[in-house]
C-alpha atoms as a PDB file:
ATOM      1  CA  MET A   1      -5.339  -7.092 -34.564  1.00  0.00           C
ATOM      2  CA  LEU A   2      -2.436  -4.922 -33.412  1.00  0.00           C
ATOM      3  CA  THR A   3      -2.741  -1.218 -32.691  1.00  0.00           C
ATOM      4  CA  PRO A   4      -0.594   1.324 -34.552  1.00  0.00           C
ATOM      5  CA  LEU A   5       1.524   1.746 -31.410  1.00  0.00           C
ATOM      6  CA  GLN A   6       2.109  -1.995 -31.140  1.00  0.00           C
ATOM      7  CA  LEU A   7       3.129  -2.177 -34.790  1.00  0.00           C
ATOM      8  CA  GLU A   8       5.526   0.733 -34.365  1.00  0.00           C
ATOM      9  CA  LEU A   9       7.093  -0.873 -31.300  1.00  0.00           C
ATOM     10  CA  LEU A  10       7.516  -4.156 -33.165  1.00  0.00           C
ATOM     11  CA  LYS A  11       9.309  -2.339 -36.000  1.00  0.00           C
ATOM     12  CA  THR A  12      11.460  -0.343 -33.589  1.00  0.00           C
ATOM     13  CA  PHE A  13      12.505  -3.377 -31.572  1.00  0.00           C
ATOM     14  CA  SER A  14      12.748  -5.953 -34.327  1.00  0.00           C
ATOM     15  CA  ARG A  15      16.275  -6.872 -33.261  1.00  0.00           C
ATOM     16  CA  PRO A  16      17.207  -8.604 -30.011  1.00  0.00           C
ATOM     17  CA  ILE A  17      18.003  -6.318 -27.085  1.00  0.00           C
ATOM     18  CA  PRO A  18      19.466  -7.158 -23.673  1.00  0.00           C
ATOM     19  CA  ASP A  19      17.130  -7.793 -20.743  1.00  0.00           C
ATOM     20  CA  GLU A  20      18.413  -4.677 -18.981  1.00  0.00           C
ATOM     21  CA  GLN A  21      17.303  -2.518 -21.916  1.00  0.00           C
ATOM     22  CA  VAL A  22      13.914  -4.212 -21.895  1.00  0.00           C
ATOM     23  CA  ARG A  23      13.541  -3.281 -18.214  1.00  0.00           C
ATOM     24  CA  GLU A  24      14.631   0.296 -18.929  1.00  0.00           C
ATOM     25  CA  ILE A  25      12.139   0.624 -21.791  1.00  0.00           C
ATOM     26  CA  LYS A  26       9.337  -0.792 -19.642  1.00  0.00           C
ATOM     27  CA  GLN A  27      10.210   1.772 -16.963  1.00  0.00           C
ATOM     28  CA  LEU A  28      10.221   4.583 -19.536  1.00  0.00           C
ATOM     29  CA  LEU A  29       6.763   3.556 -20.710  1.00  0.00           C
ATOM     30  CA  ALA A  30       5.473   3.272 -17.141  1.00  0.00           C
ATOM     31  CA  ASP A  31       6.862   6.733 -16.318  1.00  0.00           C
ATOM     32  CA  TYR A  32       5.294   8.184 -19.474  1.00  0.00           C
ATOM     33  CA  PHE A  33       1.833   6.833 -18.657  1.00  0.00           C
ATOM     34  CA  ALA A  34       2.148   7.865 -14.997  1.00  0.00           C
ATOM     35  CA  ARG A  35       2.896  11.442 -16.137  1.00  0.00           C
ATOM     36  CA  LYS A  36      -0.140  11.335 -18.437  1.00  0.00           C
ATOM     37  CA  VAL A  37      -2.364  10.283 -15.531  1.00  0.00           C
ATOM     38  CA  GLU A  38      -0.903  13.042 -13.331  1.00  0.00           C
ATOM     39  CA  ASP A  39      -1.536  15.605 -16.064  1.00  0.00           C
ATOM     40  CA  ASP A  40      -5.126  14.419 -16.480  1.00  0.00           C
ATOM     41  CA  VAL A  41      -5.763  14.505 -12.722  1.00  0.00           C
ATOM     42  CA  ASP A  42      -4.243  17.998 -12.487  1.00  0.00           C
ATOM     43  CA  ALA A  43      -6.501  19.171 -15.322  1.00  0.00           C
ATOM     44  CA  LEU A  44      -9.541  17.626 -13.625  1.00  0.00           C
ATOM     45  CA  PHE A  45      -8.727  19.371 -10.346  1.00  0.00           C
ATOM     46  CA  ILE A  46      -8.466  22.700 -12.175  1.00  0.00           C
ATOM     47  CA  GLU A  47     -11.669  22.077 -14.142  1.00  0.00           C
ATOM     48  CA  LYS A  48     -13.665  21.082 -11.049  1.00  0.00           C
ATOM     49  CA  GLY A  49     -12.063  23.642  -8.717  1.00  0.00           C
ATOM     50  CA  TRP A  50     -10.871  20.937  -6.352  1.00  0.00           C
ATOM     51  CA  ASP A  51      -8.026  21.507  -3.875  1.00  0.00           C
ATOM     52  CA  VAL A  52      -6.411  19.953  -0.805  1.00  0.00           C
ATOM     53  CA  SER A  53      -9.542  20.535   1.276  1.00  0.00           C
ATOM     54  CA  THR A  54     -11.517  18.509  -1.287  1.00  0.00           C
ATOM     55  CA  ILE A  55      -9.194  15.548  -0.757  1.00  0.00           C
ATOM     56  CA  GLU A  56      -9.436  15.951   3.017  1.00  0.00           C
ATOM     57  CA  ASN A  57     -13.247  15.920   2.767  1.00  0.00           C
ATOM     58  CA  TRP A  58     -13.098  12.772   0.632  1.00  0.00           C
ATOM     59  CA  ALA A  59     -10.973  11.109   3.296  1.00  0.00           C
ATOM     60  CA  GLN A  60     -13.696  11.757   5.890  1.00  0.00           C
ATOM     61  CA  GLU A  61     -16.558  10.414   3.771  1.00  0.00           C
ATOM     62  CA  HIS A  62     -18.110   7.018   4.354  1.00  0.00           C
ATOM     63  CA  ASN A  63     -19.554   5.952   1.020  1.00  0.00           C
ATOM     64  CA  ARG A  64     -19.910   2.234   1.531  1.00  0.00           C
ATOM     65  CA  THR A  65     -23.222   0.727   0.628  1.00  0.00           C
ATOM     66  CA  PRO A  66     -24.627  -0.998   3.697  1.00  0.00           C
ATOM     67  CA  TYR A  67     -24.904  -4.745   3.395  1.00  0.00           C
ATOM     68  CA  THR A  68     -28.438  -6.042   3.757  1.00  0.00           C
ATOM     69  CA  HIS A  69     -29.553  -9.611   4.263  1.00  0.00           C
ATOM     70  CA  ASN A  70     -32.198 -10.815   1.833  1.00  0.00           C
END
């Protein structure tokens, strides 16, 4: 089953378009979703009170689970 977005895109692009336009549209979509992720991360940082020092602390952490032989 197709999502509403997929159906809308099928209607919008029901005619053939050149490969270059396909690449441009794919880039537009990638840029859009990248901006959405950035916005969500920015909101999370504000909500949690994180800042540059938080990232620096994360970089110093060692969170790997030690491997144990059974």
